[in-house]
PDB file of N, CA and C in Angstrom:
ATOM      1  N   UNK A   1       0.837  -1.165   0.000  1.00  0.00           N
ATOM      2  CA  UNK A   1       0.000   0.000   0.000  1.00  0.00           C
ATOM      3  C   UNK A   1       0.887   1.235   0.000  1.00  0.00           C
ATOM      4  N   UNK A   2       0.539   2.186  -0.815  1.00  0.00           N
ATOM      5  CA  UNK A   2       1.275   3.443  -0.851  1.00  0.00           C
ATOM      6  C   UNK A   2       0.911   4.325   0.335  1.00  0.00           C
ATOM      7  N   UNK A   3       1.860   5.153   0.739  1.00  0.00           N
ATOM      8  CA  UNK A   3       1.624   6.057   1.869  1.00  0.00           C
ATOM      9  C   UNK A   3       0.410   6.958   1.624  1.00  0.00           C
ATOM     10  N   UNK A   4       0.274   7.457   0.405  1.00  0.00           N
ATOM     11  CA  UNK A   4      -0.848   8.353   0.107  1.00  0.00           C
ATOM     12  C   UNK A   4      -2.186   7.624   0.234  1.00  0.00           C
ATOM     13  N   UNK A   5      -2.224   6.357  -0.155  1.00  0.00           N
ATOM     14  CA  UNK A   5      -3.451   5.574  -0.016  1.00  0.00           C
ATOM     15  C   UNK A   5      -3.748   5.307   1.454  1.00  0.00           C
ATOM     16  N   UNK A   6      -2.717   4.944   2.209  1.00  0.00           N
ATOM     17  CA  UNK A   6      -2.908   4.665   3.631  1.00  0.00           C
ATOM     18  C   UNK A   6      -3.349   5.920   4.373  1.00  0.00           C
ATOM     19  N   UNK A   7      -2.781   7.070   4.018  1.00  0.00           N
ATOM     20  CA  UNK A   7      -3.128   8.324   4.694  1.00  0.00           C
ATOM     21  C   UNK A   7      -4.627   8.600   4.578  1.00  0.00           C
ATOM     22  N   UNK A   8      -5.207   8.334   3.410  1.00  0.00           N
ATOM     23  CA  UNK A   8      -6.642   8.553   3.232  1.00  0.00           C
ATOM     24  C   UNK A   8      -7.448   7.643   4.160  1.00  0.00           C
ATOM     25  N   UNK A   9      -7.061   6.390   4.259  1.00  0.00           N
ATOM     26  CA  UNK A   9      -7.752   5.459   5.150  1.00  0.00           C
ATOM     27  C   UNK A   9      -7.584   5.872   6.609  1.00  0.00           C
ATOM     28  N   UNK A  10      -6.364   6.259   6.964  1.00  0.00           N
ATOM     29  CA  UNK A  10      -6.060   6.626   8.350  1.00  0.00           C
ATOM     30  C   UNK A  10      -6.878   7.834   8.790  1.00  0.00           C
ATOM     31  N   UNK A  11      -6.905   8.876   7.970  1.00  0.00           N
ATOM     32  CA  UNK A  11      -7.597  10.096   8.365  1.00  0.00           C
ATOM     33  C   UNK A  11      -9.108   9.859   8.431  1.00  0.00           C
ATOM     34  N   UNK A  12      -9.647   9.036   7.554  1.00  0.00           N
ATOM     35  CA  UNK A  12     -11.079   8.720   7.625  1.00  0.00           C
ATOM     36  C   UNK A  12     -11.399   7.934   8.887  1.00  0.00           C
ATOM     37  N   UNK A  13     -10.556   6.967   9.227  1.00  0.00           N
ATOM     38  CA  UNK A  13     -10.776   6.159  10.426  1.00  0.00           C
ATOM     39  C   UNK A  13     -10.646   7.012  11.685  1.00  0.00           C
ATOM     40  N   UNK A  14      -9.648   7.892  11.724  1.00  0.00           N
ATOM     41  CA  UNK A  14      -9.453   8.763  12.888  1.00  0.00           C
ATOM     42  C   UNK A  14     -10.653   9.686  13.075  1.00  0.00           C
ATOM     43  N   UNK A  15     -11.153  10.222  11.986  1.00  0.00           N
ATOM     44  CA  UNK A  15     -12.318  11.098  12.061  1.00  0.00           C
ATOM     45  C   UNK A  15     -13.551  10.327  12.530  1.00  0.00           C
ATOM     46  N   UNK A  16     -13.748   9.130  11.993  1.00  0.00           N
ATOM     47  CA  UNK A  16     -14.899   8.302  12.387  1.00  0.00           C
ATOM     48  C   UNK A  16     -14.826   7.901  13.861  1.00  0.00           C
ATOM     49  N   UNK A  17     -13.596   7.725  14.381  1.00  0.00           N
ATOM     50  CA  UNK A  17     -13.414   7.355  15.784  1.00  0.00           C
ATOM     51  C   UNK A  17     -13.561   8.558  16.714  1.00  0.00           C
ATOM     52  N   UNK A  18     -13.622   9.753  16.144  1.00  0.00           N
ATOM     53  CA  UNK A  18     -13.763  10.948  16.967  1.00  0.00           C
ATOM     54  C   UNK A  18     -12.461  11.423  17.588  1.00  0.00           C
ATOM     55  N   UNK A  19     -11.336  11.017  17.012  1.00  0.00           N
ATOM     56  CA  UNK A  19     -10.037  11.436  17.538  1.00  0.00           C
ATOM     57  C   UNK A  19      -9.783  12.900  17.213  1.00  0.00           C
ATOM     58  N   UNK A  20      -8.883  13.534  17.988  1.00  0.00           N
ATOM     59  CA  UNK A  20      -8.542  14.928  17.684  1.00  0.00           C
ATOM     60  C   UNK A  20      -7.845  15.025  16.327  1.00  0.00           C
ATOM     61  N   UNK A  21      -8.173  16.083  15.624  1.00  0.00           N
ATOM     62  CA  UNK A  21      -7.617  16.281  14.282  1.00  0.00           C
ATOM     63  C   UNK A  21      -6.838  17.589  14.254  1.00  0.00           C
ATOM     64  N   UNK A  22      -5.671  17.584  13.587  1.00  0.00           N
ATOM     65  CA  UNK A  22      -4.921  18.813  13.355  1.00  0.00           C
ATOM     66  C   UNK A  22      -5.546  19.602  12.211  1.00  0.00           C
ATOM     67  N   UNK A  23      -5.985  18.892  11.183  1.00  0.00           N
ATOM     68  CA  UNK A  23      -6.741  19.470  10.065  1.00  0.00           C
ATOM     69  C   UNK A  23      -7.947  18.585   9.846  1.00  0.00           C
ATOM     70  N   UNK A  24      -9.105  19.178   9.755  1.00  0.00           N
ATOM     71  CA  UNK A  24     -10.342  18.415   9.629  1.00  0.00           C
ATOM     72  C   UNK A  24     -10.409  17.651   8.306  1.00  0.00           C
ATOM     73  N   UNK A  25     -11.113  16.549   8.340  1.00  0.00           N
ATOM     74  CA  UNK A  25     -11.318  15.712   7.159  1.00  0.00           C
ATOM     75  C   UNK A  25     -12.113  16.502   6.124  1.00  0.00           C
ATOM     76  N   UNK A  26     -11.633  16.482   4.895  1.00  0.00           N
ATOM     77  CA  UNK A  26     -12.367  17.117   3.804  1.00  0.00           C
ATOM     78  C   UNK A  26     -12.036  16.417   2.495  1.00  0.00           C
ATOM     79  N   UNK A  27     -12.869  16.643   1.542  1.00  0.00           N
ATOM     80  CA  UNK A  27     -12.686  16.055   0.222  1.00  0.00           C
ATOM     81  C   UNK A  27     -11.999  17.073  -0.672  1.00  0.00           C
ATOM     82  N   UNK A  28     -10.888  16.680  -1.286  1.00  0.00           N
ATOM     83  CA  UNK A  28     -10.167  17.603  -2.154  1.00  0.00           C
ATOM     84  C   UNK A  28     -10.885  17.698  -3.497  1.00  0.00           C
ATOM     85  N   UNK A  29     -10.542  18.727  -4.238  1.00  0.00           N
ATOM     86  CA  UNK A  29     -11.099  18.893  -5.578  1.00  0.00           C
ATOM     87  C   UNK A  29      -9.957  19.050  -6.566  1.00  0.00           C
ATOM     88  N   UNK A  30     -10.221  18.700  -7.803  1.00  0.00           N
ATOM     89  CA  UNK A  30      -9.244  18.921  -8.860  1.00  0.00           C
ATOM     90  C   UNK A  30      -7.987  18.086  -8.751  1.00  0.00           C
ATOM     91  N   UNK A  31      -8.117  16.820  -8.396  1.00  0.00           N
ATOM     92  CA  UNK A  31      -6.964  15.945  -8.229  1.00  0.00           C
ATOM     93  C   UNK A  31      -6.924  14.943  -9.386  1.00  0.00           C
ATOM     94  N   UNK A  32      -5.733  14.615  -9.831  1.00  0.00           N
ATOM     95  CA  UNK A  32      -5.572  13.574 -10.840  1.00  0.00           C
ATOM     96  C   UNK A  32      -5.752  14.075 -12.257  1.00  0.00           C
ATOM     97  N   UNK A  33      -5.895  13.120 -13.164  1.00  0.00           N
ATOM     98  CA  UNK A  33      -5.995  13.423 -14.586  1.00  0.00           C
ATOM     99  C   UNK A  33      -7.220  14.280 -14.872  1.00  0.00           C
ATOM    100  N   UNK A  34      -7.009  15.366 -15.579  1.00  0.00           N
ATOM    101  CA  UNK A  34      -8.068  16.311 -15.986  1.00  0.00           C
ATOM    102  C   UNK A  34      -8.766  16.979 -14.805  1.00  0.00           C
ATOM    103  N   UNK A  35      -8.209  16.864 -13.627  1.00  0.00           N
ATOM    104  CA  UNK A  35      -8.755  17.556 -12.470  1.00  0.00           C
ATOM    105  C   UNK A  35     -10.113  17.081 -12.012  1.00  0.00           C
ATOM    106  N   UNK A  36     -10.509  15.871 -12.401  1.00  0.00           N
ATOM    107  CA  UNK A  36     -11.835  15.370 -12.034  1.00  0.00           C
ATOM    108  C   UNK A  36     -11.815  14.476 -10.802  1.00  0.00           C
ATOM    109  N   UNK A  37     -10.646  14.096 -10.386  1.00  0.00           N
ATOM    110  CA  UNK A  37     -10.545  13.187  -9.250  1.00  0.00           C
ATOM    111  C   UNK A  37     -10.610  13.919  -7.911  1.00  0.00           C
ATOM    112  N   UNK A  38     -10.683  13.181  -6.853  1.00  0.00           N
ATOM    113  CA  UNK A  38     -10.682  13.739  -5.509  1.00  0.00           C
ATOM    114  C   UNK A  38     -10.102  12.698  -4.567  1.00  0.00           C
ATOM    115  N   UNK A  39      -9.739  13.143  -3.388  1.00  0.00           N
ATOM    116  CA  UNK A  39      -9.304  12.226  -2.336  1.00  0.00           C
ATOM    117  C   UNK A  39      -9.566  12.887  -0.983  1.00  0.00           C
ATOM    118  N   UNK A  40      -9.538  12.058   0.050  1.00  0.00           N
ATOM    119  CA  UNK A  40      -9.739  12.567   1.405  1.00  0.00           C
ATOM    120  C   UNK A  40      -8.442  13.184   1.894  1.00  0.00           C
ATOM    121  N   UNK A  41      -8.543  14.349   2.480  1.00  0.00           N
ATOM    122  CA  UNK A  41      -7.382  15.008   3.067  1.00  0.00           C
ATOM    123  C   UNK A  41      -7.713  15.393   4.507  1.00  0.00           C
ATOM    124  N   UNK A  42      -6.705  15.679   5.247  1.00  0.00           N
ATOM    125  CA  UNK A  42      -6.847  16.033   6.653  1.00  0.00           C
ATOM    126  C   UNK A  42      -5.632  15.513   7.389  1.00  0.00           C
ATOM    127  N   UNK A  43      -5.609  15.740   8.678  1.00  0.00           N
ATOM    128  CA  UNK A  43      -4.470  15.289   9.470  1.00  0.00           C
ATOM    129  C   UNK A  43      -4.938  14.941  10.876  1.00  0.00           C
ATOM    130  N   UNK A  44      -4.754  13.684  11.239  1.00  0.00           N
ATOM    131  CA  UNK A  44      -5.099  13.244  12.592  1.00  0.00           C
ATOM    132  C   UNK A  44      -3.965  13.613  13.542  1.00  0.00           C
ATOM    133  N   UNK A  45      -4.326  13.968  14.763  1.00  0.00           N
ATOM    134  CA  UNK A  45      -3.307  14.321  15.750  1.00  0.00           C
ATOM    135  C   UNK A  45      -2.455  13.111  16.120  1.00  0.00           C
ATOM    136  N   UNK A  46      -3.079  11.940  16.148  1.00  0.00           N
ATOM    137  CA  UNK A  46      -2.361  10.724  16.504  1.00  0.00           C
ATOM    138  C   UNK A  46      -1.942   9.967  15.252  1.00  0.00           C
ATOM    139  N   UNK A  47      -0.751   9.380  15.312  1.00  0.00           N
ATOM    140  CA  UNK A  47      -0.216   8.619  14.189  1.00  0.00           C
ATOM    141  C   UNK A  47      -0.238   7.131  14.537  1.00  0.00           C
ATOM    142  N   UNK A  48      -0.035   6.265  13.540  1.00  0.00           N
ATOM    143  CA  UNK A  48       0.068   4.837  13.859  1.00  0.00           C
ATOM    144  C   UNK A  48       1.181   4.560  14.874  1.00  0.00           C
ATOM    145  N   UNK A  49       2.266   5.338  14.820  1.00  0.00           N
ATOM    146  CA  UNK A  49       3.359   5.143  15.776  1.00  0.00           C
ATOM    147  C   UNK A  49       2.906   5.469  17.197  1.00  0.00           C
ATOM    148  N   UNK A  50       2.061   6.486  17.335  1.00  0.00           N
ATOM    149  CA  UNK A  50       1.523   6.821  18.658  1.00  0.00           C
ATOM    150  C   UNK A  50       0.722   5.652  19.221  1.00  0.00           C
ATOM    151  N   UNK A  51      -0.066   5.021  18.379  1.00  0.00           N
ATOM    152  CA  UNK A  51      -0.863   3.878  18.836  1.00  0.00           C
ATOM    153  C   UNK A  51       0.030   2.700  19.203  1.00  0.00           C
ATOM    154  N   UNK A  52       1.118   2.541  18.479  1.00  0.00           N
ATOM    155  CA  UNK A  52       2.080   1.477  18.804  1.00  0.00           C
ATOM    156  C   UNK A  52       2.685   1.719  20.184  1.00  0.00           C
ATOM    157  N   UNK A  53       2.998   2.973  20.481  1.00  0.00           N
ATOM    158  CA  UNK A  53       3.552   3.332  21.786  1.00  0.00           C
ATOM    159  C   UNK A  53       2.533   3.041  22.898  1.00  0.00           C
ATOM    160  N   UNK A  54       1.286   3.393  22.674  1.00  0.00           N
ATOM    161  CA  UNK A  54       0.230   3.120  23.648  1.00  0.00           C
ATOM    162  C   UNK A  54       0.105   1.615  23.875  1.00  0.00           C
ATOM    163  N   UNK A  55       0.122   0.845  22.792  1.00  0.00           N
ATOM    164  CA  UNK A  55       0.005  -0.613  22.910  1.00  0.00           C
ATOM    165  C   UNK A  55       1.174  -1.198  23.695  1.00  0.00           C
ATOM    166  N   UNK A  56       2.380  -0.698  23.440  1.00  0.00           N
ATOM    167  CA  UNK A  56       3.558  -1.201  24.157  1.00  0.00           C
ATOM    168  C   UNK A  56       3.448  -0.909  25.650  1.00  0.00           C
ATOM    169  N   UNK A  57       3.061   0.305  25.990  1.00  0.00           N
ATOM    170  CA  UNK A  57       2.917   0.664  27.408  1.00  0.00           C
ATOM    171  C   UNK A  57       1.801  -0.139  28.063  1.00  0.00           C
ATOM    172  N   UNK A  58       0.713  -0.341  27.343  1.00  0.00           N
ATOM    173  CA  UNK A  58      -0.405  -1.135  27.860  1.00  0.00           C
ATOM    174  C   UNK A  58       0.055  -2.563  28.168  1.00  0.00           C
ATOM    175  N   UNK A  59       0.813  -3.164  27.237  1.00  0.00           N
ATOM    176  CA  UNK A  59       1.279  -4.540  27.457  1.00  0.00           C
ATOM    177  C   UNK A  59       2.254  -4.618  28.629  1.00  0.00           C
ATOM    178  N   UNK A  60       3.151  -3.638  28.736  1.00  0.00           N
ATOM    179  CA  UNK A  60       4.158  -3.659  29.801  1.00  0.00           C
ATOM    180  C   UNK A  60       3.582  -3.342  31.171  1.00  0.00           C
ATOM    181  N   UNK A  61       2.757  -2.301  31.251  1.00  0.00           N
ATOM    182  CA  UNK A  61       2.333  -1.807  32.564  1.00  0.00           C
ATOM    183  C   UNK A  61       0.977  -2.343  33.007  1.00  0.00           C
ATOM    184  N   UNK A  62      -0.001  -2.329  32.125  1.00  0.00           N
ATOM    185  CA  UNK A  62      -1.340  -2.754  32.528  1.00  0.00           C
ATOM    186  C   UNK A  62      -1.501  -4.272  32.519  1.00  0.00           C
ATOM    187  N   UNK A  63      -0.933  -4.926  31.505  1.00  0.00           N
ATOM    188  CA  UNK A  63      -1.013  -6.383  31.448  1.00  0.00           C
ATOM    189  C   UNK A  63       0.158  -7.053  32.159  1.00  0.00           C
ATOM    190  N   UNK A  64       1.187  -6.290  32.453  1.00  0.00           N
ATOM    191  CA  UNK A  64       2.400  -6.779  33.122  1.00  0.00           C
ATOM    192  C   UNK A  64       3.036  -7.948  32.376  1.00  0.00           C
ATOM    193  N   UNK A  65       3.042  -7.848  31.052  1.00  0.00           N
ATOM    194  CA  UNK A  65       3.710  -8.885  30.261  1.00  0.00           C
ATOM    195  C   UNK A  65       5.222  -8.742  30.388  1.00  0.00           C
ATOM    196  N   UNK A  66       5.907  -9.843  30.230  1.00  0.00           N
ATOM    197  CA  UNK A  66       7.358  -9.843  30.263  1.00  0.00           C
ATOM    198  C   UNK A  66       7.882  -8.991  29.106  1.00  0.00           C
ATOM    199  N   UNK A  67       8.890  -8.152  29.347  1.00  0.00           N
ATOM    200  CA  UNK A  67       9.435  -7.324  28.267  1.00  0.00           C
ATOM    201  C   UNK A  67       9.896  -8.128  27.051  1.00  0.00           C
ATOM    202  N   UNK A  68      10.351  -9.359  27.253  1.00  0.00           N
ATOM    203  CA  UNK A  68      10.760 -10.184  26.113  1.00  0.00           C
ATOM    204  C   UNK A  68       9.566 -10.515  25.219  1.00  0.00           C
ATOM    205  N   UNK A  69       8.405 -10.744  25.821  1.00  0.00           N
ATOM    206  CA  UNK A  69       7.192 -11.026  25.046  1.00  0.00           C
ATOM    207  C   UNK A  69       6.764  -9.773  24.286  1.00  0.00           C
ATOM    208  N   UNK A  70       6.789  -8.627  24.956  1.00  0.00           N
ATOM    209  CA  UNK A  70       6.405  -7.371  24.314  1.00  0.00           C
ATOM    210  C   UNK A  70       7.364  -7.059  23.166  1.00  0.00           C
ATOM    211  N   UNK A  71       8.655  -7.275  23.388  1.00  0.00           N
ATOM    212  CA  UNK A  71       9.648  -7.045  22.334  1.00  0.00           C
ATOM    213  C   UNK A  71       9.351  -7.901  21.115  1.00  0.00           C
ATOM    214  N   UNK A  72       8.995  -9.149  21.345  1.00  0.00           N
ATOM    215  CA  UNK A  72       8.669 -10.042  20.227  1.00  0.00           C
ATOM    216  C   UNK A  72       7.443  -9.538  19.479  1.00  0.00           C
ATOM    217  N   UNK A  73       6.407  -9.123  20.208  1.00  0.00           N
ATOM    218  CA  UNK A  73       5.179  -8.634  19.579  1.00  0.00           C
ATOM    219  C   UNK A  73       5.428  -7.366  18.769  1.00  0.00           C
ATOM    220  N   UNK A  74       6.353  -6.521  19.247  1.00  0.00           N
ATOM    221  CA  UNK A  74       6.650  -5.271  18.547  1.00  0.00           C
ATOM    222  C   UNK A  74       7.693  -5.440  17.445  1.00  0.00           C
ATOM    223  N   UNK A  75       8.306  -6.618  17.381  1.00  0.00           N
ATOM    224  CA  UNK A  75       9.310  -6.869  16.358  1.00  0.00           C
ATOM    225  C   UNK A  75      10.693  -6.349  16.712  1.00  0.00           C
ATOM    226  N   UNK A  76      10.938  -6.131  18.004  1.00  0.00           N
ATOM    227  CA  UNK A  76      12.263  -5.690  18.440  1.00  0.00           C
ATOM    228  C   UNK A  76      13.172  -6.896  18.605  1.00  0.00           C
ATOM    229  N   UNK A  77      14.399  -6.784  18.139  1.00  0.00           N
ATOM    230  CA  UNK A  77      15.348  -7.886  18.241  1.00  0.00           C
ATOM    231  C   UNK A  77      15.874  -8.057  19.664  1.00  0.00           C
ATOM    232  N   UNK A  78      15.906  -6.965  20.413  1.00  0.00           N
ATOM    233  CA  UNK A  78      16.495  -6.986  21.746  1.00  0.00           C
ATOM    234  C   UNK A  78      15.501  -6.431  22.771  1.00  0.00           C
ATOM    235  N   UNK A  79      15.083  -7.252  23.748  1.00  0.00           N
ATOM    236  CA  UNK A  79      14.151  -6.759  24.773  1.00  0.00           C
ATOM    237  C   UNK A  79      14.674  -5.561  25.559  1.00  0.00           C
ATOM    238  N   UNK A  80      15.999  -5.407  25.654  1.00  0.00           N
ATOM    239  CA  UNK A  80      16.528  -4.255  26.391  1.00  0.00           C
ATOM    240  C   UNK A  80      16.173  -2.947  25.674  1.00  0.00           C
ATOM    241  N   UNK A  81      16.067  -2.990  24.352  1.00  0.00           N
ATOM    242  CA  UNK A  81      15.637  -1.806  23.615  1.00  0.00           C
ATOM    243  C   UNK A  81      14.205  -1.446  24.000  1.00  0.00           C
ATOM    244  N   UNK A  82      13.350  -2.444  24.107  1.00  0.00           N
ATOM    245  CA  UNK A  82      11.949  -2.226  24.478  1.00  0.00           C
ATOM    246  C   UNK A  82      11.867  -1.594  25.861  1.00  0.00           C
ATOM    247  N   UNK A  83      12.640  -2.124  26.795  1.00  0.00           N
ATOM    248  CA  UNK A  83      12.628  -1.592  28.160  1.00  0.00           C
ATOM    249  C   UNK A  83      13.137  -0.152  28.162  1.00  0.00           C
ATOM    250  N   UNK A  84      14.244   0.120  27.472  1.00  0.00           N
ATOM    251  CA  UNK A  84      14.792   1.475  27.434  1.00  0.00           C
ATOM    252  C   UNK A  84      13.823   2.452  26.774  1.00  0.00           C
ATOM    253  N   UNK A  85      13.127   2.002  25.759  1.00  0.00           N
ATOM    254  CA  UNK A  85      12.246   2.890  24.999  1.00  0.00           C
ATOM    255  C   UNK A  85      10.944   3.194  25.732  1.00  0.00           C
ATOM    256  N   UNK A  86      10.357   2.207  26.390  1.00  0.00           N
ATOM    257  CA  UNK A  86       9.004   2.364  26.917  1.00  0.00           C
ATOM    258  C   UNK A  86       8.898   2.448  28.433  1.00  0.00           C
ATOM    259  N   UNK A  87       9.928   2.054  29.159  1.00  0.00           N
ATOM    260  CA  UNK A  87       9.846   2.105  30.612  1.00  0.00           C
ATOM    261  C   UNK A  87      10.460   3.417  31.071  1.00  0.00           C
ATOM    262  N   UNK A  88       9.670   4.187  31.754  1.00  0.00           N
ATOM    263  CA  UNK A  88      10.116   5.465  32.283  1.00  0.00           C
ATOM    264  C   UNK A  88       9.342   5.748  33.553  1.00  0.00           C
ATOM    265  N   UNK A  89       9.545   6.888  34.106  1.00  0.00           N
ATOM    266  CA  UNK A  89       8.832   7.265  35.317  1.00  0.00           C
ATOM    267  C   UNK A  89       7.391   7.583  34.947  1.00  0.00           C
ATOM    268  N   UNK A  90       6.478   6.918  35.635  1.00  0.00           N
ATOM    269  CA  UNK A  90       5.043   7.159  35.428  1.00  0.00           C
ATOM    270  C   UNK A  90       4.489   7.785  36.696  1.00  0.00           C
ATOM    271  N   UNK A  91       3.879   8.925  36.559  1.00  0.00           N
ATOM    272  CA  UNK A  91       3.311   9.583  37.725  1.00  0.00           C
ATOM    273  C   UNK A  91       4.376  10.327  38.513  1.00  0.00           C
ATOM    274  N   UNK A  92       4.095  10.545  39.778  1.00  0.00           N
ATOM    275  CA  UNK A  92       5.007  11.273  40.664  1.00  0.00           C
ATOM    276  C   UNK A  92       5.945  10.282  41.348  1.00  0.00           C
ATOM    277  N   UNK A  93       7.237  10.321  41.060  1.00  0.00           N
ATOM    278  CA  UNK A  93       8.163   9.345  41.642  1.00  0.00           C
ATOM    279  C   UNK A  93       8.259   9.444  43.163  1.00  0.00           C
ATOM    280  N   UNK A  94       8.147  10.654  43.725  1.00  0.00           N
ATOM    281  CA  UNK A  94       8.233  10.816  45.182  1.00  0.00           C
ATOM    282  C   UNK A  94       7.053  10.142  45.874  1.00  0.00           C
ATOM    283  N   UNK A  95       5.858  10.335  45.338  1.00  0.00           N
ATOM    284  CA  UNK A  95       4.667   9.716  45.916  1.00  0.00           C
ATOM    285  C   UNK A  95       4.746   8.200  45.807  1.00  0.00           C
ATOM    286  N   UNK A  96       5.183   7.703  44.670  1.00  0.00           N
ATOM    287  CA  UNK A  96       5.302   6.254  44.478  1.00  0.00           C
ATOM    288  C   UNK A  96       6.294   5.657  45.471  1.00  0.00           C
ATOM    289  N   UNK A  97       7.423   6.313  45.682  1.00  0.00           N
ATOM    290  CA  UNK A  97       8.421   5.819  46.631  1.00  0.00           C
ATOM    291  C   UNK A  97       7.887   5.870  48.061  1.00  0.00           C
ATOM    292  N   UNK A  98       7.137   6.907  48.389  1.00  0.00           N
ATOM    293  CA  UNK A  98       6.585   7.043  49.733  1.00  0.00           C
ATOM    294  C   UNK A  98       5.570   5.940  50.026  1.00  0.00           C
ATOM    295  N   UNK A  99       4.742   5.627  49.055  1.00  0.00           N
ATOM    296  CA  UNK A  99       3.732   4.575  49.249  1.00  0.00           C
ATOM    297  C   UNK A  99       4.412   3.247  49.520  1.00  0.00           C
ATOM    298  N   UNK A 100       5.468   2.949  48.798  1.00  0.00           N
ATOM    299  CA  UNK A 100       6.160   1.674  48.953  1.00  0.00           C
ATOM    300  C   UNK A 100       6.903   1.604  50.287  1.00  0.00           C
ATOM    301  N   UNK A 101       7.487   2.713  50.721  1.00  0.00           N
ATOM    302  CA  UNK A 101       8.346   2.690  51.907  1.00  0.00           C
ATOM    303  C   UNK A 101       7.626   3.044  53.209  1.00  0.00           C
ATOM    304  N   UNK A 102       6.370   3.447  53.171  1.00  0.00           N
ATOM    305  CA  UNK A 102       5.655   3.828  54.384  1.00  0.00           C
ATOM    306  C   UNK A 102       5.535   2.683  55.379  1.00  0.00           C
ATOM    307  N   UNK A 103       5.429   1.470  54.894  1.00  0.00           N
ATOM    308  CA  UNK A 103       5.243   0.305  55.779  1.00  0.00           C
ATOM    309  C   UNK A 103       6.535  -0.120  56.470  1.00  0.00           C
ATOM    310  N   UNK A 104       7.666   0.482  56.141  1.00  0.00           N
ATOM    311  CA  UNK A 104       8.925   0.073  56.743  1.00  0.00           C
ATOM    312  C   UNK A 104       8.974   0.446  58.169  1.00  0.00           C
TER     313      UNK A 104
END
């Protein structure tokens, strides 16, 4: 699939899902041979890569899957790359540390 073809599908799907848009979905005019063609144009705020990032974080943090499994699902050759890329501080680190250490 060409990028231009995928972009039309992506922007239509994003609009139908009610996602935020940088440029609203619209039908172009005067495209192609003799200017009679048209295509969907617009720009979704979220990209397929953004959704991949959400999926990776969901698998790691919410499902608590092993990073090696997540790496395999994402097509990463090295699970350490997955951990370095997606594991970071979530929320307030001071509050999280206090909750864990209060029982000491």
